[in-house]
Amino acid sequence: MINYSSFCLSNTFPELKGDVCQILGSPIGDEEIFTVIPSMENFKAPHVYIVYIDGLQAIFYQSQWDTVELTVLLNS
């Protein structure tokens, strides 16, 4: 039998307090999206900021924002 206790990661990472957990779990607001999209590097895929992962690079959203804005905001 393998002893996995030597691989235990408890106490390795700092514990997140309740107020930070609430912020991380809160919905992404339209203002946050409006701020993030223009500030992203052009050739990075915005998988962190857009709820669905589509693999499109930030330059697509930046150049086509008038077309995709409603879809992005409704799906975030």
C-alpha atoms as a PDB file:
ATOM      1  CA  MET A   1       0.000   0.000   0.000  1.00  0.00           C
ATOM      2  CA  ILE A   2       1.308   3.472  -0.884  1.00  0.00           C
ATOM      3  CA  ASN A   3       1.592   6.013   1.917  1.00  0.00           C
ATOM      4  CA  TYR A   4       0.186   9.253   0.451  1.00  0.00           C
ATOM      5  CA  SER A   5       0.691  11.288   3.624  1.00  0.00           C
ATOM      6  CA  SER A   6       4.072  12.489   2.359  1.00  0.00           C
ATOM      7  CA  PHE A   7       2.240  14.075  -0.597  1.00  0.00           C
ATOM      8  CA  CYS A   8      -0.246  15.931   1.571  1.00  0.00           C
ATOM      9  CA  LEU A   9      -0.684  19.566   0.520  1.00  0.00           C
ATOM     10  CA  SER A  10      -2.651  20.741   3.545  1.00  0.00           C
ATOM     11  CA  ASN A  11      -1.186  23.897   5.069  1.00  0.00           C
ATOM     12  CA  THR A  12       0.857  24.430   1.897  1.00  0.00           C
ATOM     13  CA  PHE A  13      -1.322  27.222   0.567  1.00  0.00           C
ATOM     14  CA  PRO A  14      -2.626  30.194   2.548  1.00  0.00           C
ATOM     15  CA  GLU A  15      -6.213  29.918   3.702  1.00  0.00           C
ATOM     16  CA  LEU A  16      -8.687  32.287   2.069  1.00  0.00           C
ATOM     17  CA  LYS A  17     -10.836  34.148   4.578  1.00  0.00           C
ATOM     18  CA  GLY A  18     -14.610  34.424   4.176  1.00  0.00           C
ATOM     19  CA  ASP A  19     -14.663  37.935   2.699  1.00  0.00           C
ATOM     20  CA  VAL A  20     -12.170  36.972  -0.030  1.00  0.00           C
ATOM     21  CA  CYS A  21     -14.182  33.842  -0.842  1.00  0.00           C
ATOM     22  CA  GLN A  22     -17.302  35.973  -1.228  1.00  0.00           C
ATOM     23  CA  ILE A  23     -15.517  38.322  -3.641  1.00  0.00           C
ATOM     24  CA  LEU A  24     -14.158  35.419  -5.695  1.00  0.00           C
ATOM     25  CA  GLY A  25     -17.590  33.825  -5.833  1.00  0.00           C
ATOM     26  CA  SER A  26     -19.465  36.977  -6.761  1.00  0.00           C
ATOM     27  CA  PRO A  27     -20.827  37.459 -10.283  1.00  0.00           C
ATOM     28  CA  ILE A  28     -18.690  39.266 -12.837  1.00  0.00           C
ATOM     29  CA  GLY A  29     -20.196  42.678 -13.474  1.00  0.00           C
ATOM     30  CA  ASP A  30     -20.535  44.492 -16.778  1.00  0.00           C
ATOM     31  CA  GLU A  31     -18.151  47.212 -15.608  1.00  0.00           C
ATOM     32  CA  GLU A  32     -15.473  44.632 -14.860  1.00  0.00           C
ATOM     33  CA  ILE A  33     -15.823  43.200 -18.362  1.00  0.00           C
ATOM     34  CA  PHE A  34     -15.713  46.701 -19.909  1.00  0.00           C
ATOM     35  CA  THR A  35     -12.475  47.325 -17.990  1.00  0.00           C
ATOM     36  CA  VAL A  36     -10.789  43.986 -18.676  1.00  0.00           C
ATOM     37  CA  ILE A  37     -11.385  43.490 -22.418  1.00  0.00           C
ATOM     38  CA  PRO A  38      -9.610  46.671 -23.598  1.00  0.00           C
ATOM     39  CA  SER A  39      -6.726  46.160 -21.162  1.00  0.00           C
ATOM     40  CA  MET A  40      -5.922  42.581 -22.222  1.00  0.00           C
ATOM     41  CA  GLU A  41      -2.937  41.764 -24.389  1.00  0.00           C
ATOM     42  CA  ASN A  42      -4.152  41.398 -27.983  1.00  0.00           C
ATOM     43  CA  PHE A  43      -3.135  37.803 -28.563  1.00  0.00           C
ATOM     44  CA  LYS A  44      -4.232  36.286 -25.266  1.00  0.00           C
ATOM     45  CA  ALA A  45      -7.361  34.145 -25.063  1.00  0.00           C
ATOM     46  CA  PRO A  46      -9.709  35.580 -22.402  1.00  0.00           C
ATOM     47  CA  HIS A  47     -10.696  32.253 -20.839  1.00  0.00           C
ATOM     48  CA  VAL A  48     -10.475  33.690 -17.336  1.00  0.00           C
ATOM     49  CA  TYR A  49     -12.706  36.663 -18.079  1.00  0.00           C
ATOM     50  CA  ILE A  50     -15.271  35.118 -20.384  1.00  0.00           C
ATOM     51  CA  VAL A  51     -17.390  32.415 -18.784  1.00  0.00           C
ATOM     52  CA  TYR A  52     -17.399  30.158 -21.825  1.00  0.00           C
ATOM     53  CA  ILE A  53     -14.064  29.082 -23.252  1.00  0.00           C
ATOM     54  CA  ASP A  54     -14.020  29.793 -26.968  1.00  0.00           C
ATOM     55  CA  GLY A  55     -10.284  30.139 -27.624  1.00  0.00           C
ATOM     56  CA  LEU A  56     -10.693  33.512 -29.310  1.00  0.00           C
ATOM     57  CA  GLN A  57      -7.974  36.020 -28.631  1.00  0.00           C
ATOM     58  CA  ALA A  58      -8.582  39.360 -26.953  1.00  0.00           C
ATOM     59  CA  ILE A  59      -7.972  41.214 -30.223  1.00  0.00           C
ATOM     60  CA  PHE A  60     -11.172  39.653 -31.582  1.00  0.00           C
ATOM     61  CA  TYR A  61     -13.247  40.991 -28.686  1.00  0.00           C
ATOM     62  CA  GLN A  62     -11.517  44.363 -28.831  1.00  0.00           C
ATOM     63  CA  SER A  63     -12.085  44.818 -32.559  1.00  0.00           C
ATOM     64  CA  GLN A  64     -15.581  43.308 -32.667  1.00  0.00           C
ATOM     65  CA  TRP A  65     -16.940  44.582 -29.350  1.00  0.00           C
ATOM     66  CA  ASP A  66     -19.893  46.388 -30.944  1.00  0.00           C
ATOM     67  CA  THR A  67     -21.016  43.073 -32.439  1.00  0.00           C
ATOM     68  CA  VAL A  68     -20.311  40.670 -29.559  1.00  0.00           C
ATOM     69  CA  GLU A  69     -20.941  42.892 -26.538  1.00  0.00           C
ATOM     70  CA  LEU A  70     -24.519  41.785 -25.882  1.00  0.00           C
ATOM     71  CA  THR A  71     -23.665  38.092 -26.261  1.00  0.00           C
ATOM     72  CA  VAL A  72     -20.688  38.360 -23.918  1.00  0.00           C
ATOM     73  CA  LEU A  73     -22.615  40.276 -21.279  1.00  0.00           C
ATOM     74  CA  LEU A  74     -25.608  37.944 -21.417  1.00  0.00           C
ATOM     75  CA  ASN A  75     -23.339  34.887 -21.032  1.00  0.00           C
ATOM     76  CA  SER A  76     -21.207  36.210 -18.190  1.00  0.00           C
END
